[in-house]
Amino acid sequence: MTGAYDIAIIGGGVVGTAIARELSRYSLKTVLIEARADLGDESSKGNSALMCSGVDVPAGTLERELVRRGYIRYCAEAPGMGLPIRKVGAIVLAWTQEQEAILNKDLVDAHADGFAAEALDSAEVYRRWPHFGPGIRGGLWLPDEAIVDPFSTPHAYALDALENGVEIRRSWPVRSADRMAQGWRLHGPDGSLDARCVVNAGGIRGDEVDKLAGYSDFAIRPRRGQYMILDKAARAIHDVIAMPAPTPTTRGILITPTIFGNVLVGPTAEDVPDRDDRRVTEAGLAQLRQAIATMAPALAHQPINTIFAGMRPATQFREYQIIPRLSQGWLTVGGIRSTGLSASLGIAEHVAGLLIPGLFDAPRKARTRQITVPDLSETSQRPWQDVSRVESDPAYAEMVCHCERISLGEIRDALASPLAPKTLNGLKRRTRAMFGRCQGFYCGARVQTLLNAQSSAH
């Protein structure tokens, strides 16, 4: 398999798929390459699922600029793709004078840059959220912060890119890269491909991808974040993004509703040597429990659905590492930390602006095709609730996952997608099957059987 492309994007997480979608708007031959069987299967699968306005990102940085742009675009474009977004707002809390001083400075900075923000005294904080723990001196209310679906987002970007002409190769790890007279030759498991320009969106492995081309401008310093997902009953108690005043290294452990109807607690922030070390530890769980006890003790006895850990591609630098080497046909998009989901469309726009017309004189397409993905949010109308849909196809009334009320029809549709999931975890993220209280105890075997049958058919 040898192909010649204008651009090869390495990395199929939320940033790589957003770049692919953006470049699909231009008359370019583009390929998106992902090492794993499913897209969004590394850092993009383990995050806080927030759509941040940029107010809590350091002022004057490229990161804030791209987060802000990404947020604006997501709010405008996500609904057309079927992606849910809900502005629940965030409250940043202070227990000490030092934290109050941080929030006062953040308030001034927010207003200076045109963000919506409001200082709340202790009485107002407790009036709005009486379930919060004692000792809070005040808070900073950020009404524009939102929750989204972190799993459907990269899938929607990739499906859009595919529909508009981008080739997508999964299970295609790049093993080596050779510099050619006009670009690069990338070698994979079943051959090679040539591209005039390579965009490295390798995420947690971005420094390793850069080393294939002989670059070493940064090193990934993996930062593990452990999380806890509370059962949906917790949502009746807590329905706001709550977090402590930030520190120089982390925004701290937050407690937030999810778009799927649960409450999420996390993440911890642990620098670990192994970028694949996604263990959940007793020490990490103790930190999460302490955060609940401090911020929202009313949640302390709520059932826990699951625990997991994500990995953030931190580097030795606080700023994004977007490094254009256009004369060499290589553009690095590295060090995209926890704000990557929010910034993804802003990063994609920035990357396209560097490549066009910097390297390619490519006209924008007059028309592009619109795609939509199923809205998996808890408040959306599920297929089994649509009488006409069920009457036309009873598979939408046949429940496979009873905890999340996911029908056979929804799983069948996911498996028939142009970018069908290849793994059980990929299918779970695409449908919400096995996400519920029993974590697949009752439905797991049948979901696996449906996946196996689809795999055998192909």
Protein backbone atom coordinates (compact mmCIF):
# COMPACT_ATOMS: atom_id res chain seq x y z
CA MET A 1 0.00 0.00 0.00
CA THR A 2 1.79 3.08 -1.25
CA GLY A 3 0.00 6.37 -1.73
CA ALA A 4 0.96 9.94 -2.44
CA TYR A 5 -0.74 12.63 -0.38
CA ASP A 6 -0.47 16.32 0.18
CA ILE A 7 -0.81 15.96 3.95
CA ALA A 8 -0.55 13.01 6.34
CA ILE A 9 -1.88 13.58 9.86
CA ILE A 10 -0.44 11.23 12.47
CA GLY A 11 -2.77 10.73 15.42
CA GLY A 12 -6.52 10.11 15.51
CA GLY A 13 -7.42 11.76 18.80
CA VAL A 14 -9.65 14.79 19.14
CA VAL A 15 -6.92 17.14 17.84
CA GLY A 16 -5.91 15.00 14.87
CA THR A 17 -9.50 14.38 13.81
CA ALA A 18 -10.33 18.09 14.14
CA ILE A 19 -7.37 18.93 11.89
CA ALA A 20 -8.52 16.31 9.38
CA ARG A 21 -12.00 17.83 9.37
CA GLU A 22 -10.63 21.32 8.84
CA LEU A 23 -8.34 20.28 6.00
CA SER A 24 -11.22 18.43 4.31
CA ARG A 25 -12.61 21.88 3.50
CA TYR A 26 -9.72 22.44 1.06
CA SER A 27 -8.77 20.86 -2.25
CA LEU A 28 -6.05 18.71 -0.72
CA LYS A 29 -5.38 14.98 -0.68
CA THR A 30 -5.20 14.20 3.03
CA VAL A 31 -4.82 11.00 5.02
CA LEU A 32 -5.36 10.54 8.76
CA ILE A 33 -3.27 7.79 10.33
CA GLU A 34 -4.02 6.18 13.70
CA ALA A 35 -1.94 3.45 15.32
CA ARG A 36 -4.81 1.96 17.30
CA ALA A 37 -7.85 0.09 16.02
CA ASP A 38 -10.25 2.83 17.13
CA LEU A 39 -9.97 6.59 16.98
CA GLY A 40 -9.84 8.60 20.19
CA ASP A 41 -8.39 5.63 22.08
CA GLU A 42 -5.55 7.36 23.94
CA SER A 43 -5.72 10.70 25.81
CA SER A 44 -9.03 11.64 24.19
CA LYS A 45 -10.88 8.81 25.93
CA GLY A 46 -9.96 9.87 29.48
CA ASN A 47 -10.73 13.49 30.31
CA SER A 48 -13.13 15.69 32.24
CA ALA A 49 -15.43 16.23 29.22
CA LEU A 50 -15.58 20.00 29.72
CA MET A 51 -15.95 22.61 27.01
CA CYS A 52 -13.98 25.50 28.50
CA SER A 53 -14.40 29.08 27.34
CA GLY A 54 -10.72 29.83 27.99
CA VAL A 55 -11.27 32.05 31.02
CA ASP A 56 -9.11 29.85 33.26
CA VAL A 57 -6.25 29.52 30.76
CA PRO A 58 -3.27 31.88 31.28
CA ALA A 59 -3.82 35.22 29.53
CA GLY A 60 -1.57 36.11 26.61
CA THR A 61 -0.87 32.51 25.62
CA LEU A 62 -1.51 30.73 22.36
CA GLU A 63 -3.40 28.15 24.40
CA ARG A 64 -5.95 30.71 25.58
CA GLU A 65 -6.36 32.07 22.05
CA LEU A 66 -7.00 28.62 20.61
CA VAL A 67 -9.22 27.45 23.47
CA ARG A 68 -11.32 30.57 23.11
CA ARG A 69 -11.60 30.12 19.35
CA GLY A 70 -12.32 26.40 19.73
CA TYR A 71 -15.08 27.06 22.25
CA ILE A 72 -16.78 29.62 19.98
CA ARG A 73 -16.64 27.26 17.02
CA TYR A 74 -17.80 24.23 18.99
CA CYS A 75 -20.84 26.07 20.31
CA ALA A 76 -21.68 27.11 16.75
CA GLU A 77 -20.89 23.88 14.89
CA ALA A 78 -21.46 20.99 17.31
CA PRO A 79 -25.28 21.06 17.21
CA GLY A 80 -25.23 20.62 13.44
CA MET A 81 -23.18 17.44 13.90
CA GLY A 82 -25.58 16.08 16.51
CA LEU A 83 -23.15 16.74 19.37
CA PRO A 84 -24.76 17.84 22.64
CA ILE A 85 -23.51 20.78 24.69
CA ARG A 86 -24.94 22.04 27.96
CA LYS A 87 -23.81 25.24 29.69
CA VAL A 88 -24.04 24.30 33.36
CA GLY A 89 -21.51 26.94 34.47
CA ALA A 90 -18.54 26.56 36.81
CA ILE A 91 -17.90 27.82 40.32
CA VAL A 92 -14.25 28.17 41.40
CA LEU A 93 -14.04 28.01 45.19
CA ALA A 94 -11.76 29.64 47.77
CA TRP A 95 -11.22 28.45 51.33
CA THR A 96 -8.27 30.71 52.21
CA GLN A 97 -7.23 34.34 51.83
CA GLU A 98 -4.57 33.28 49.34
CA GLN A 99 -7.17 31.53 47.19
CA GLU A 100 -9.45 34.56 47.41
CA ALA A 101 -6.59 36.70 46.11
CA ILE A 102 -6.14 34.31 43.17
CA LEU A 103 -9.83 34.51 42.32
CA ASN A 104 -9.86 38.31 42.59
CA LYS A 105 -6.99 38.49 40.10
CA ASP A 106 -8.73 35.99 37.82
CA LEU A 107 -11.88 38.12 37.93
CA VAL A 108 -9.99 41.22 36.81
CA ASP A 109 -8.24 39.26 34.03
CA ALA A 110 -11.53 37.71 32.89
CA HIS A 111 -13.29 41.06 32.59
CA ALA A 112 -10.28 42.58 30.83
CA ASP A 113 -10.50 39.89 28.14
CA GLY A 114 -14.27 40.04 27.81
CA PHE A 115 -15.19 36.82 29.61
CA ALA A 116 -18.34 36.46 31.69
CA ALA A 117 -17.39 36.14 35.37
CA GLU A 118 -18.93 37.12 38.70
CA ALA A 119 -17.55 37.17 42.25
CA LEU A 120 -19.80 35.48 44.83
CA ASP A 121 -19.46 35.90 48.57
CA SER A 122 -19.79 33.00 50.97
CA ALA A 123 -23.50 33.56 51.63
CA GLU A 124 -24.34 33.58 47.92
CA VAL A 125 -22.31 30.43 47.27
CA TYR A 126 -24.25 28.54 49.95
CA ARG A 127 -27.58 30.01 48.84
CA ARG A 128 -27.05 28.58 45.34
CA TRP A 129 -25.39 25.32 46.39
CA PRO A 130 -26.36 24.45 49.95
CA HIS A 131 -24.81 20.99 49.62
CA PHE A 132 -21.28 22.42 49.48
CA GLY A 133 -18.94 21.69 52.39
CA PRO A 134 -18.16 24.18 55.18
CA GLY A 135 -15.50 26.88 55.20
CA ILE A 136 -15.93 28.37 51.72
CA ARG A 137 -15.04 32.09 51.79
CA GLY A 138 -16.22 32.89 48.27
CA GLY A 139 -16.24 31.83 44.65
CA LEU A 140 -15.83 32.93 41.06
CA TRP A 141 -18.89 32.12 38.92
CA LEU A 142 -18.17 31.36 35.25
CA PRO A 143 -21.55 30.92 33.53
CA ASP A 144 -20.29 29.91 30.07
CA GLU A 145 -18.47 26.69 31.04
CA ALA A 146 -20.13 23.64 29.54
CA ILE A 147 -20.19 19.84 29.45
CA VAL A 148 -20.01 17.80 26.22
CA ASP A 149 -19.68 14.25 24.89
CA PRO A 150 -15.91 13.56 24.72
CA PHE A 151 -16.31 10.25 22.86
CA SER A 152 -18.67 11.26 20.06
CA THR A 153 -16.69 14.44 19.34
CA PRO A 154 -13.59 12.87 17.70
CA HIS A 155 -15.86 10.35 15.95
CA ALA A 156 -17.97 13.18 14.50
CA TYR A 157 -14.87 15.06 13.36
CA ALA A 158 -13.47 11.94 11.69
CA LEU A 159 -16.78 11.01 10.06
CA ASP A 160 -17.05 14.56 8.70
CA ALA A 161 -13.49 14.38 7.36
CA LEU A 162 -14.14 10.99 5.75
CA GLU A 163 -17.37 12.22 4.14
CA ASN A 164 -15.47 15.16 2.67
CA GLY A 165 -12.60 13.28 1.12
CA VAL A 166 -10.02 12.48 3.82
CA GLU A 167 -8.72 8.92 3.83
CA ILE A 168 -8.53 7.30 7.26
CA ARG A 169 -6.21 4.43 8.14
CA ARG A 170 -6.59 2.73 11.50
CA SER A 171 -4.27 0.12 13.00
CA TRP A 172 -1.49 1.84 11.08
CA PRO A 173 1.36 2.74 13.46
CA VAL A 174 4.13 4.73 11.80
CA ARG A 175 7.32 2.78 12.36
CA SER A 176 9.80 5.05 10.59
CA ALA A 177 9.94 8.22 8.50
CA ASP A 178 12.32 9.00 5.64
CA ARG A 179 12.95 12.50 4.35
CA MET A 180 12.33 12.71 0.61
CA ALA A 181 13.03 15.42 -1.94
CA GLN A 182 9.37 16.48 -1.71
CA GLY A 183 8.20 15.63 1.80
CA TRP A 184 8.27 12.35 3.71
CA ARG A 185 7.84 8.63 3.28
CA LEU A 186 6.09 7.04 6.25
CA HIS A 187 6.46 3.31 6.80
CA GLY A 188 3.65 1.33 8.42
CA PRO A 189 2.59 -2.26 8.98
CA ASP A 190 1.64 -3.01 5.38
CA GLY A 191 3.76 -0.69 3.28
CA SER A 192 4.46 3.00 3.06
CA LEU A 193 2.92 6.27 1.99
CA ASP A 194 4.37 9.54 0.76
CA ALA A 195 3.21 12.98 1.83
CA ARG A 196 4.44 16.45 1.03
CA CYS A 197 3.74 17.46 4.61
CA VAL A 198 3.30 15.57 7.87
CA VAL A 199 1.25 16.95 10.77
CA ASN A 200 2.26 15.29 14.04
CA ALA A 201 -0.81 15.19 16.29
CA GLY A 202 0.51 12.18 18.18
CA GLY A 203 -0.74 13.29 21.60
CA ILE A 204 0.76 11.23 24.42
CA ARG A 205 3.29 9.85 21.90
CA GLY A 206 3.96 13.14 20.13
CA ASP A 207 7.63 13.31 21.12
CA GLU A 208 8.19 9.76 19.84
CA VAL A 209 6.62 10.70 16.50
CA ASP A 210 8.84 13.78 16.25
CA LYS A 211 11.91 11.63 16.92
CA LEU A 212 11.09 9.56 13.82
CA ALA A 213 11.84 12.72 11.83
CA GLY A 214 14.89 13.65 13.91
CA TYR A 215 13.29 16.38 16.05
CA SER A 216 13.51 16.66 19.84
CA ASP A 217 12.12 20.05 20.84
CA PHE A 218 10.12 18.71 23.78
CA ALA A 219 9.58 15.60 25.84
CA ILE A 220 6.24 14.21 26.92
CA ARG A 221 6.02 14.03 30.69
CA PRO A 222 2.94 11.86 31.19
CA ARG A 223 0.50 13.17 33.78
CA ARG A 224 -2.01 10.62 35.01
CA GLY A 225 -5.42 11.74 36.15
CA GLN A 226 -7.63 9.37 38.12
CA TYR A 227 -11.41 9.73 38.06
CA MET A 228 -14.50 8.43 39.79
CA ILE A 229 -17.96 8.27 38.17
CA LEU A 230 -20.89 8.47 40.57
CA ASP A 231 -24.26 6.92 39.82
CA LYS A 232 -27.00 9.05 38.27
CA ALA A 233 -28.76 9.59 41.56
CA ALA A 234 -25.93 11.99 42.44
CA ARG A 235 -27.08 14.36 39.71
CA ALA A 236 -30.12 15.36 41.81
CA ILE A 237 -27.67 16.71 44.39
CA HIS A 238 -24.97 18.22 42.21
CA ASP A 239 -25.42 19.88 38.80
CA VAL A 240 -22.60 22.42 38.46
CA ILE A 241 -18.89 22.30 37.62
CA ALA A 242 -17.20 22.90 41.00
CA MET A 243 -13.46 23.23 41.45
CA PRO A 244 -10.91 24.74 43.84
CA ALA A 245 -8.81 27.78 42.99
CA PRO A 246 -6.12 26.60 40.53
CA THR A 247 -2.44 26.10 41.25
CA PRO A 248 0.46 26.66 38.80
CA THR A 249 0.43 22.95 37.85
CA THR A 250 -3.22 21.91 37.93
CA ARG A 251 -6.78 23.13 37.99
CA GLY A 252 -7.33 20.71 40.85
CA ILE A 253 -9.89 17.99 41.38
CA LEU A 254 -13.29 19.05 40.14
CA ILE A 255 -16.78 17.67 40.65
CA THR A 256 -18.94 18.02 37.57
CA PRO A 257 -22.07 16.62 35.98
CA THR A 258 -21.57 14.66 32.78
CA ILE A 259 -23.56 14.85 29.58
CA PHE A 260 -24.57 11.22 30.24
CA GLY A 261 -26.34 12.03 33.52
CA ASN A 262 -23.69 11.02 36.05
CA VAL A 263 -21.36 13.03 38.29
CA LEU A 264 -17.61 12.90 37.65
CA VAL A 265 -14.94 13.49 40.30
CA GLY A 266 -11.33 14.11 39.23
CA PRO A 267 -8.72 14.27 37.98
CA THR A 268 -5.72 13.79 40.17
CA ALA A 269 -2.44 15.10 38.73
CA GLU A 270 0.40 12.59 38.97
CA ASP A 271 3.59 12.72 36.93
CA VAL A 272 4.41 9.12 36.00
CA PRO A 273 7.31 7.69 33.96
CA ASP A 274 5.21 5.28 31.89
CA ARG A 275 2.76 6.86 29.46
CA ASP A 276 0.72 3.64 29.48
CA ASP A 277 0.40 3.51 33.28
CA ARG A 278 -3.34 4.07 33.64
CA ARG A 279 -3.67 2.31 36.96
CA VAL A 280 -6.13 3.48 39.56
CA THR A 281 -4.46 3.57 42.97
CA GLU A 282 -5.57 3.68 46.59
CA ALA A 283 -3.76 6.99 47.00
CA GLY A 284 -5.54 8.43 43.99
CA LEU A 285 -8.95 7.28 45.20
CA ALA A 286 -8.20 8.80 48.60
CA GLN A 287 -7.60 12.16 46.91
CA LEU A 288 -10.93 11.90 45.09
CA ARG A 289 -12.77 11.02 48.29
CA GLN A 290 -11.13 13.94 50.07
CA ALA A 291 -12.26 16.28 47.29
CA ILE A 292 -15.83 15.07 47.79
CA ALA A 293 -15.56 15.50 51.58
CA THR A 294 -14.26 19.06 51.15
CA MET A 295 -16.46 20.34 48.31
CA ALA A 296 -19.66 18.30 48.34
CA PRO A 297 -19.89 15.93 51.33
CA ALA A 298 -23.51 15.17 50.46
CA LEU A 299 -22.09 13.01 47.65
CA ALA A 300 -19.93 10.91 49.95
CA HIS A 301 -22.33 7.96 50.12
CA GLN A 302 -23.50 7.99 46.51
CA PRO A 303 -22.87 4.72 44.63
CA ILE A 304 -19.79 4.63 42.41
CA ASN A 305 -20.33 3.30 38.89
CA THR A 306 -16.70 3.04 37.84
CA ILE A 307 -13.18 4.36 38.32
CA PHE A 308 -10.62 5.01 35.61
CA ALA A 309 -7.50 6.98 34.73
CA GLY A 310 -6.59 9.17 31.78
CA MET A 311 -3.19 10.39 30.61
CA ARG A 312 -2.40 13.99 29.67
CA PRO A 313 0.50 14.76 27.29
CA ALA A 314 2.23 17.35 29.47
CA THR A 315 5.72 18.58 28.53
CA GLN A 316 8.44 20.62 30.21
CA PHE A 317 6.70 23.70 28.80
CA ARG A 318 3.41 25.25 29.94
CA GLU A 319 2.53 26.38 26.41
CA TYR A 320 1.29 24.28 23.52
CA GLN A 321 4.15 23.05 21.32
CA ILE A 322 2.87 23.94 17.85
CA ILE A 323 6.05 24.03 15.78
CA PRO A 324 5.84 24.66 12.03
CA ARG A 325 8.80 23.49 9.96
CA LEU A 326 7.20 24.24 6.63
CA SER A 327 10.44 24.25 4.65
CA GLN A 328 10.95 20.67 5.84
CA GLY A 329 7.33 19.62 5.36
CA TRP A 330 6.70 18.86 9.04
CA LEU A 331 4.34 20.52 11.51
CA THR A 332 4.27 19.46 15.15
CA VAL A 333 1.13 19.88 17.25
CA GLY A 334 2.34 18.71 20.65
CA GLY A 335 1.89 19.31 24.36
CA ILE A 336 -1.87 19.72 23.98
CA ARG A 337 -2.82 19.11 27.57
CA SER A 338 -6.19 19.01 29.31
CA THR A 339 -7.65 21.81 27.20
CA GLY A 340 -7.30 19.85 23.96
CA LEU A 341 -10.99 18.97 23.70
CA SER A 342 -12.01 22.62 24.06
CA ALA A 343 -9.27 23.92 21.79
CA SER A 344 -9.52 21.25 19.09
CA LEU A 345 -11.39 23.30 16.47
CA GLY A 346 -9.25 26.35 17.26
CA ILE A 347 -6.07 24.30 16.87
CA ALA A 348 -7.36 22.88 13.58
CA GLU A 349 -8.08 26.36 12.25
CA HIS A 350 -4.62 27.54 13.35
CA VAL A 351 -2.92 24.58 11.67
CA ALA A 352 -4.82 25.15 8.44
CA GLY A 353 -3.79 28.81 8.56
CA LEU A 354 -0.13 27.80 8.82
CA LEU A 355 -0.31 25.34 5.94
CA ILE A 356 -2.51 27.42 3.63
CA PRO A 357 -1.08 29.41 1.96
CA GLY A 358 2.23 28.88 3.76
CA LEU A 359 2.88 25.56 2.04
CA PHE A 360 -0.16 24.84 -0.15
CA ASP A 361 -2.00 27.06 -2.57
CA ALA A 362 -5.25 25.16 -2.07
CA PRO A 363 -8.68 26.70 -2.70
CA ARG A 364 -11.47 26.20 -0.21
CA LYS A 365 -14.18 23.84 -1.45
CA ALA A 366 -17.41 25.48 -2.55
CA ARG A 367 -19.47 22.81 -0.78
CA THR A 368 -18.99 20.24 1.95
CA ARG A 369 -21.29 17.48 3.11
CA GLN A 370 -22.91 17.62 6.52
CA ILE A 371 -22.85 14.62 8.86
CA THR A 372 -24.68 13.92 12.08
CA VAL A 373 -24.00 11.43 14.85
CA PRO A 374 -26.46 10.12 17.45
CA ASP A 375 -26.99 12.43 20.43
CA LEU A 376 -26.04 10.22 23.38
CA SER A 377 -26.78 12.78 26.10
CA GLU A 378 -29.06 11.83 28.95
CA THR A 379 -31.62 14.50 28.06
CA SER A 380 -31.89 13.61 24.36
CA GLN A 381 -34.79 11.63 22.94
CA ARG A 382 -33.65 8.04 22.77
CA PRO A 383 -34.69 5.89 19.77
CA TRP A 384 -36.90 3.68 21.96
CA GLN A 385 -38.90 6.80 22.90
CA ASP A 386 -39.67 7.58 19.25
CA VAL A 387 -42.89 5.70 18.49
CA SER A 388 -42.66 6.09 14.72
CA ARG A 389 -39.07 4.87 14.70
CA VAL A 390 -39.93 1.81 16.76
CA GLU A 391 -42.93 1.03 14.55
CA SER A 392 -40.74 1.10 11.46
CA ASP A 393 -37.96 -0.95 13.09
CA PRO A 394 -38.70 -2.94 16.30
CA ALA A 395 -34.93 -3.34 16.90
CA TYR A 396 -35.02 0.13 18.48
CA ALA A 397 -37.32 -1.22 21.21
CA GLU A 398 -35.23 -4.32 21.95
CA MET A 399 -33.05 -3.38 24.91
CA VAL A 400 -29.55 -4.79 25.06
CA CYS A 401 -28.10 -2.53 27.77
CA HIS A 402 -30.86 -1.99 30.32
CA CYS A 403 -28.86 0.33 32.62
CA GLU A 404 -28.37 2.91 29.86
CA ARG A 405 -31.39 1.78 27.81
CA ILE A 406 -29.39 1.13 24.63
CA SER A 407 -31.27 -0.80 21.99
CA LEU A 408 -30.20 -3.44 19.51
CA GLY A 409 -30.95 -0.96 16.72
CA GLU A 410 -28.44 1.58 18.10
CA ILE A 411 -25.69 -1.01 18.41
CA ARG A 412 -26.46 -2.34 14.93
CA ASP A 413 -26.26 1.22 13.52
CA ALA A 414 -22.90 1.86 15.19
CA LEU A 415 -21.50 -1.38 13.77
CA ALA A 416 -22.74 -0.42 10.28
CA SER A 417 -21.09 3.02 10.40
CA PRO A 418 -18.47 3.95 7.77
CA LEU A 419 -16.09 4.16 10.75
CA ALA A 420 -17.40 1.13 12.62
CA PRO A 421 -15.86 0.44 16.04
CA LYS A 422 -13.33 -2.38 16.00
CA THR A 423 -13.06 -3.05 19.74
CA LEU A 424 -15.46 -3.53 22.63
CA ASN A 425 -14.31 -0.29 24.26
CA GLY A 426 -14.78 1.52 20.96
CA LEU A 427 -18.34 0.20 20.71
CA LYS A 428 -19.04 1.24 24.30
CA ARG A 429 -17.91 4.80 23.60
CA ARG A 430 -20.01 4.98 20.46
CA THR A 431 -23.27 3.83 22.06
CA ARG A 432 -23.05 4.13 25.88
CA ALA A 433 -23.69 0.38 26.11
CA MET A 434 -22.07 -1.05 29.27
CA PHE A 435 -21.59 2.46 30.69
CA GLY A 436 -24.25 2.04 33.38
CA ARG A 437 -24.56 0.80 36.92
CA CYS A 438 -23.74 -2.85 36.19
CA GLN A 439 -20.78 -1.95 33.93
CA GLY A 440 -21.69 -4.65 31.44
CA PHE A 441 -22.27 -7.47 33.96
CA TYR A 442 -25.60 -8.35 32.32
CA CYS A 443 -25.21 -7.13 28.75
CA GLY A 444 -21.46 -7.45 28.16
CA ALA A 445 -21.57 -10.93 26.66
CA ARG A 446 -24.28 -9.99 24.17
CA VAL A 447 -22.56 -6.75 23.18
CA GLN A 448 -19.34 -8.67 22.59
CA THR A 449 -21.26 -11.26 20.52
CA LEU A 450 -22.74 -8.52 18.32
CA LEU A 451 -19.26 -7.04 17.80
CA ASN A 452 -17.78 -10.45 16.98
CA ALA A 453 -20.54 -11.18 14.47
CA GLN A 454 -19.87 -7.89 12.69
CA SER A 455 -16.13 -8.54 12.65
CA SER A 456 -16.65 -12.03 11.22
CA ALA A 457 -18.89 -10.65 8.48
CA HIS A 458 -16.04 -8.43 7.33
